C-alpha atoms as a PDB file:
ATOM      1  CA  MET A   1      14.522  -8.084  45.753  1.00  0.00           C
ATOM      2  CA  ALA A   2      12.966  -9.984  42.851  1.00  0.00           C
ATOM      3  CA  GLN A   3      10.372  -7.230  42.343  1.00  0.00           C
ATOM      4  CA  ALA A   4      13.099  -4.596  42.223  1.00  0.00           C
ATOM      5  CA  ILE A   5      15.031  -6.591  39.614  1.00  0.00           C
ATOM      6  CA  ALA A   6      11.853  -7.099  37.561  1.00  0.00           C
ATOM      7  CA  PHE A   7      11.018  -3.389  37.831  1.00  0.00           C
ATOM      8  CA  TYR A   8      14.445  -2.269  36.639  1.00  0.00           C
ATOM      9  CA  PHE A   9      14.441  -4.833  33.808  1.00  0.00           C
ATOM     10  CA  ILE A  10      10.992  -3.721  32.610  1.00  0.00           C
ATOM     11  CA  ALA A  11      11.956  -0.051  32.934  1.00  0.00           C
ATOM     12  CA  ALA A  12      15.143  -0.639  30.925  1.00  0.00           C
ATOM     13  CA  CYS A  13      13.140  -2.434  28.226  1.00  0.00           C
ATOM     14  CA  ILE A  14      10.618   0.424  28.108  1.00  0.00           C
ATOM     15  CA  LEU A  15      13.395   2.990  27.686  1.00  0.00           C
ATOM     16  CA  GLY A  16      15.233   0.832  25.144  1.00  0.00           C
ATOM     17  CA  PHE A  17      12.165   0.282  22.979  1.00  0.00           C
ATOM     18  CA  ALA A  18      11.282   3.988  23.231  1.00  0.00           C
ATOM     19  CA  VAL A  19      14.733   4.866  21.889  1.00  0.00           C
ATOM     20  CA  LEU A  20      14.294   2.308  19.098  1.00  0.00           C
ATOM     21  CA  VAL A  21      10.898   3.808  18.187  1.00  0.00           C
ATOM     22  CA  VAL A  22      12.521   7.183  17.639  1.00  0.00           C
ATOM     23  CA  THR A  23      15.778   6.074  16.001  1.00  0.00           C
ATOM     24  CA  THR A  24      14.621   3.302  13.647  1.00  0.00           C
ATOM     25  CA  ARG A  25      14.480   4.362  10.008  1.00  0.00           C
ATOM     26  CA  ASP A  26      11.787   1.887   8.929  1.00  0.00           C
ATOM     27  CA  THR A  27       8.392   3.168  10.076  1.00  0.00           C
ATOM     28  CA  VAL A  28       6.797  -0.292  10.289  1.00  0.00           C
ATOM     29  CA  HIS A  29       9.594  -1.446  12.592  1.00  0.00           C
ATOM     30  CA  SER A  30       9.109   1.726  14.614  1.00  0.00           C
ATOM     31  CA  VAL A  31       5.424   0.910  15.126  1.00  0.00           C
ATOM     32  CA  LEU A  32       6.283  -2.670  16.101  1.00  0.00           C
ATOM     33  CA  PHE A  33       8.757  -1.375  18.683  1.00  0.00           C
ATOM     34  CA  LEU A  34       5.952   0.868  19.929  1.00  0.00           C
ATOM     35  CA  VAL A  35       3.762  -2.223  20.417  1.00  0.00           C
ATOM     36  CA  LEU A  36       6.515  -3.842  22.468  1.00  0.00           C
ATOM     37  CA  ASP A  37       6.902  -0.658  24.466  1.00  0.00           C
ATOM     38  CA  PHE A  38       3.180  -0.598  25.271  1.00  0.00           C
ATOM     39  CA  LEU A  39       3.269  -4.275  26.268  1.00  0.00           C
ATOM     40  CA  PHE A  40       6.139  -3.664  28.677  1.00  0.00           C
ATOM     41  CA  VAL A  41       4.228  -0.721  30.164  1.00  0.00           C
ATOM     42  CA  ALA A  42       1.339  -3.138  30.732  1.00  0.00           C
ATOM     43  CA  ALA A  43       3.766  -5.557  32.405  1.00  0.00           C
ATOM     44  CA  LEU A  44       4.875  -2.712  34.659  1.00  0.00           C
ATOM     45  CA  TYR A  45       1.240  -2.094  35.619  1.00  0.00           C
ATOM     46  CA  VAL A  46       0.866  -5.777  36.495  1.00  0.00           C
ATOM     47  CA  LEU A  47       4.013  -5.588  38.606  1.00  0.00           C
ATOM     48  CA  LEU A  48       2.561  -2.596  40.467  1.00  0.00           C
ATOM     49  CA  GLY A  49      -0.727  -4.429  41.121  1.00  0.00           C
ATOM     50  CA  ALA A  50      -2.916  -2.498  38.683  1.00  0.00           C
ATOM     51  CA  GLN A  51      -4.267  -5.341  36.571  1.00  0.00           C
ATOM     52  CA  PHE A  52      -7.187  -3.289  35.252  1.00  0.00           C
ATOM     53  CA  LEU A  53      -4.855  -0.612  33.900  1.00  0.00           C
ATOM     54  CA  ALA A  54      -2.670  -3.316  32.346  1.00  0.00           C
ATOM     55  CA  ALA A  55      -5.669  -4.792  30.529  1.00  0.00           C
ATOM     56  CA  ILE A  56      -6.762  -1.360  29.318  1.00  0.00           C
ATOM     57  CA  GLN A  57      -3.178  -0.641  28.206  1.00  0.00           C
ATOM     58  CA  VAL A  58      -3.109  -3.797  26.096  1.00  0.00           C
ATOM     59  CA  LEU A  59      -6.608  -3.361  24.667  1.00  0.00           C
ATOM     60  CA  VAL A  60      -6.568   0.359  23.917  1.00  0.00           C
ATOM     61  CA  TYR A  61      -2.945   1.178  23.169  1.00  0.00           C
ATOM     62  CA  ALA A  62      -1.258  -2.033  22.044  1.00  0.00           C
ATOM     63  CA  GLY A  63      -4.422  -3.050  20.230  1.00  0.00           C
ATOM     64  CA  GLY A  64      -6.339  -0.096  18.866  1.00  0.00           C
ATOM     65  CA  ILE A  65      -3.926   2.798  18.676  1.00  0.00           C
ATOM     66  CA  VAL A  66      -1.083   0.813  17.128  1.00  0.00           C
ATOM     67  CA  VAL A  67      -3.411  -0.695  14.513  1.00  0.00           C
ATOM     68  CA  LEU A  68      -4.420   2.863  13.651  1.00  0.00           C
ATOM     69  CA  TYR A  69      -0.740   3.830  13.372  1.00  0.00           C
ATOM     70  CA  LEU A  70      -0.062   0.856  11.107  1.00  0.00           C
ATOM     71  CA  PHE A  71      -2.953   1.805   8.821  1.00  0.00           C
ATOM     72  CA  VAL A  72      -1.639   5.363   8.582  1.00  0.00           C
ATOM     73  CA  VAL A  73       1.909   4.165   7.890  1.00  0.00           C
ATOM     74  CA  MET A  74       0.712   1.755   5.210  1.00  0.00           C
ATOM     75  CA  LEU A  75      -1.584   4.287   3.521  1.00  0.00           C
ATOM     76  CA  VAL A  76       0.690   7.337   3.535  1.00  0.00           C
ATOM     77  CA  ASN A  77       3.147   7.615   0.685  1.00  0.00           C
ATOM     78  CA  LEU A  78       6.495   7.825   2.459  1.00  0.00           C
ATOM     79  CA  LYS A  79       8.574   7.754  -0.744  1.00  0.00           C
ATOM     80  CA  ARG A  80       8.200  11.438  -1.513  1.00  0.00           C
ATOM     81  CA  PRO A  81      10.607  13.890   0.089  1.00  0.00           C
ATOM     82  CA  PRO A  82       9.254  15.885   3.025  1.00  0.00           C
ATOM     83  CA  GLU A  83       7.583  19.170   2.132  1.00  0.00           C
ATOM     84  CA  ALA A  84       7.480  18.371  -1.582  1.00  0.00           C
ATOM     85  CA  HIS A  85       4.910  21.096  -2.092  1.00  0.00           C
ATOM     86  CA  GLU A  86       4.154  24.343  -0.336  1.00  0.00           C
ATOM     87  CA  ASP A  87       0.617  24.742   0.977  1.00  0.00           C
ATOM     88  CA  PRO A  88      -0.659  28.263   0.284  1.00  0.00           C
ATOM     89  CA  HIS A  89      -3.198  27.973   3.126  1.00  0.00           C
ATOM     90  CA  ARG A  90      -0.563  27.256   5.779  1.00  0.00           C
ATOM     91  CA  ARG A  91      -0.389  29.911   8.461  1.00  0.00           C
ATOM     92  CA  THR A  92       3.045  29.536  10.003  1.00  0.00           C
ATOM     93  CA  LYS A  93       3.083  32.947  11.694  1.00  0.00           C
ATOM     94  CA  LEU A  94      -0.201  32.187  13.436  1.00  0.00           C
ATOM     95  CA  GLY A  95       1.124  28.809  14.561  1.00  0.00           C
ATOM     96  CA  PHE A  96       4.318  30.317  15.928  1.00  0.00           C
ATOM     97  CA  GLY A  97       2.314  33.019  17.674  1.00  0.00           C
ATOM     98  CA  LEU A  98       0.015  30.492  19.336  1.00  0.00           C
ATOM     99  CA  ALA A  99       2.976  28.334  20.372  1.00  0.00           C
ATOM    100  CA  ALA A 100       4.684  31.383  21.883  1.00  0.00           C
ATOM    101  CA  ALA A 101       1.478  32.282  23.748  1.00  0.00           C
ATOM    102  CA  VAL A 102       1.240  28.767  25.203  1.00  0.00           C
ATOM    103  CA  LEU A 103       4.904  28.864  26.252  1.00  0.00           C
ATOM    104  CA  LEU A 104       4.415  32.260  27.897  1.00  0.00           C
ATOM    105  CA  GLU A 105       1.357  30.944  29.722  1.00  0.00           C
ATOM    106  CA  LEU A 106       3.262  27.908  30.982  1.00  0.00           C
ATOM    107  CA  GLY A 107       6.097  30.167  32.106  1.00  0.00           C
ATOM    108  CA  ALA A 108       3.655  32.446  33.938  1.00  0.00           C
ATOM    109  CA  ILE A 109       2.105  29.433  35.665  1.00  0.00           C
ATOM    110  CA  ALA A 110       5.553  28.199  36.720  1.00  0.00           C
ATOM    111  CA  VAL A 111       6.538  31.639  38.058  1.00  0.00           C
ATOM    112  CA  TYR A 112       3.233  32.053  39.887  1.00  0.00           C
ATOM    113  CA  GLY A 113       3.575  28.568  41.395  1.00  0.00           C
ATOM    114  CA  SER A 114       7.075  29.316  42.652  1.00  0.00           C
ATOM    115  CA  VAL A 115       6.112  32.732  44.084  1.00  0.00           C
ATOM    116  CA  ASN A 116       2.838  31.587  45.685  1.00  0.00           C
ATOM    117  CA  PRO A 117       3.292  28.019  46.875  1.00  0.00           C
ATOM    118  CA  ALA A 118       0.142  25.961  47.107  1.00  0.00           C
ATOM    119  CA  ALA A 119      -1.517  25.479  50.471  1.00  0.00           C
ATOM    120  CA  PRO A 120      -1.191  21.992  51.924  1.00  0.00           C
ATOM    121  CA  MET A 121      -3.920  19.669  50.760  1.00  0.00           C
ATOM    122  CA  PRO A 122      -6.304  18.281  53.367  1.00  0.00           C
ATOM    123  CA  ALA A 123      -6.161  14.568  54.003  1.00  0.00           C
ATOM    124  CA  THR A 124      -8.232  12.657  51.485  1.00  0.00           C
ATOM    125  CA  PRO A 125     -10.964  10.481  52.900  1.00  0.00           C
ATOM    126  CA  ALA A 126     -10.780   6.754  52.421  1.00  0.00           C
ATOM    127  CA  ILE A 127     -12.260   5.449  49.192  1.00  0.00           C
ATOM    128  CA  PRO A 128     -15.555   3.694  50.016  1.00  0.00           C
ATOM    129  CA  VAL A 129     -15.060   0.973  47.391  1.00  0.00           C
ATOM    130  CA  SER A 130     -12.884  -2.091  47.167  1.00  0.00           C
ATOM    131  CA  GLY A 131     -11.132  -3.591  44.175  1.00  0.00           C
ATOM    132  CA  ASN A 132      -8.806  -2.109  41.610  1.00  0.00           C
ATOM    133  CA  THR A 133     -11.430  -1.222  39.000  1.00  0.00           C
ATOM    134  CA  GLU A 134     -13.753   0.405  41.523  1.00  0.00           C
ATOM    135  CA  GLN A 135     -10.910   2.483  42.959  1.00  0.00           C
ATOM    136  CA  VAL A 136      -9.882   3.725  39.506  1.00  0.00           C
ATOM    137  CA  GLY A 137     -13.484   4.631  38.693  1.00  0.00           C
ATOM    138  CA  TRP A 138     -14.053   6.333  42.044  1.00  0.00           C
ATOM    139  CA  LEU A 139     -10.920   8.468  41.741  1.00  0.00           C
ATOM    140  CA  LEU A 140     -11.579   9.240  38.079  1.00  0.00           C
ATOM    141  CA  TYR A 141     -15.051  10.607  38.722  1.00  0.00           C
ATOM    142  CA  THR A 142     -14.352  12.366  42.032  1.00  0.00           C
ATOM    143  CA  SER A 143     -10.820  13.690  42.518  1.00  0.00           C
ATOM    144  CA  TYR A 144      -9.801  13.750  38.858  1.00  0.00           C
ATOM    145  CA  LEU A 145     -13.086  14.768  37.214  1.00  0.00           C
ATOM    146  CA  ILE A 146     -11.805  18.091  35.799  1.00  0.00           C
ATOM    147  CA  PRO A 147      -8.658  16.601  34.154  1.00  0.00           C
ATOM    148  CA  PHE A 148     -10.809  13.745  32.823  1.00  0.00           C
ATOM    149  CA  GLU A 149     -13.250  16.181  31.229  1.00  0.00           C
ATOM    150  CA  ILE A 150     -10.417  18.308  29.820  1.00  0.00           C
ATOM    151  CA  ALA A 151      -8.846  15.208  28.258  1.00  0.00           C
ATOM    152  CA  SER A 152     -12.193  14.231  26.742  1.00  0.00           C
ATOM    153  CA  MET A 153     -12.609  17.731  25.262  1.00  0.00           C
ATOM    154  CA  LEU A 154      -9.073  17.607  23.807  1.00  0.00           C
ATOM    155  CA  LEU A 155      -9.835  14.249  22.211  1.00  0.00           C
ATOM    156  CA  LEU A 156     -13.081  15.623  20.793  1.00  0.00           C
ATOM    157  CA  VAL A 157     -11.271  18.643  19.315  1.00  0.00           C
ATOM    158  CA  ALA A 158      -8.595  16.357  17.843  1.00  0.00           C
ATOM    159  CA  MET A 159     -11.259  14.134  16.295  1.00  0.00           C
ATOM    160  CA  ILE A 160     -13.074  17.106  14.760  1.00  0.00           C
ATOM    161  CA  GLY A 161      -9.754  18.466  13.477  1.00  0.00           C
ATOM    162  CA  ALA A 162      -8.914  15.114  11.886  1.00  0.00           C
ATOM    163  CA  ILE A 163     -12.302  15.025  10.176  1.00  0.00           C
ATOM    164  CA  VAL A 164     -11.862  18.579   8.864  1.00  0.00           C
ATOM    165  CA  LEU A 165      -8.355  17.805   7.590  1.00  0.00           C
ATOM    166  CA  ALA A 166      -9.456  14.546   5.967  1.00  0.00           C
ATOM    167  CA  LYS A 167     -12.439  16.146   4.240  1.00  0.00           C
ATOM    168  CA  ARG A 168     -11.680  16.586   0.587  1.00  0.00           C
ATOM    169  CA  GLU A 169     -12.444  19.806  -1.184  1.00  0.00           C
ATOM    170  CA  LEU A 170     -14.900  19.288  -4.000  1.00  0.00           C
END
């Protein structure tokens, strides 16, 4: 009973801070609410018995990512009105076309999944390791290797895109 009460309290705090992140007008306060949100997600991981994920949540997200957000918020001039200048190199039609293509692809995947239901998955063998960290590592590099590699490629593309956008024209 106590775990259920703790779960619902932590879940309510996560949802409340997420709403505050989106609705707060001051961007620094929004980032601070995001830190609290990440810390409550880590508390939820601890409640579910995933201490390793909780530690990674605190170190990576509440530590590194939010510090990066704070640097961006502090360095960007937020006093100017949005879209104060028009970029002649912006390709809005191409962006809309790519977004429409992605939406059509997702729709086709959803229709195909509803027409051809997936075959039942075979029973997964027992994980030959013990401990929370070993189980996460074993699953990450066996059952979830393809999504892990796709996520790493997306992060690499995002990093290259950020470098290209930050590069100043001489």
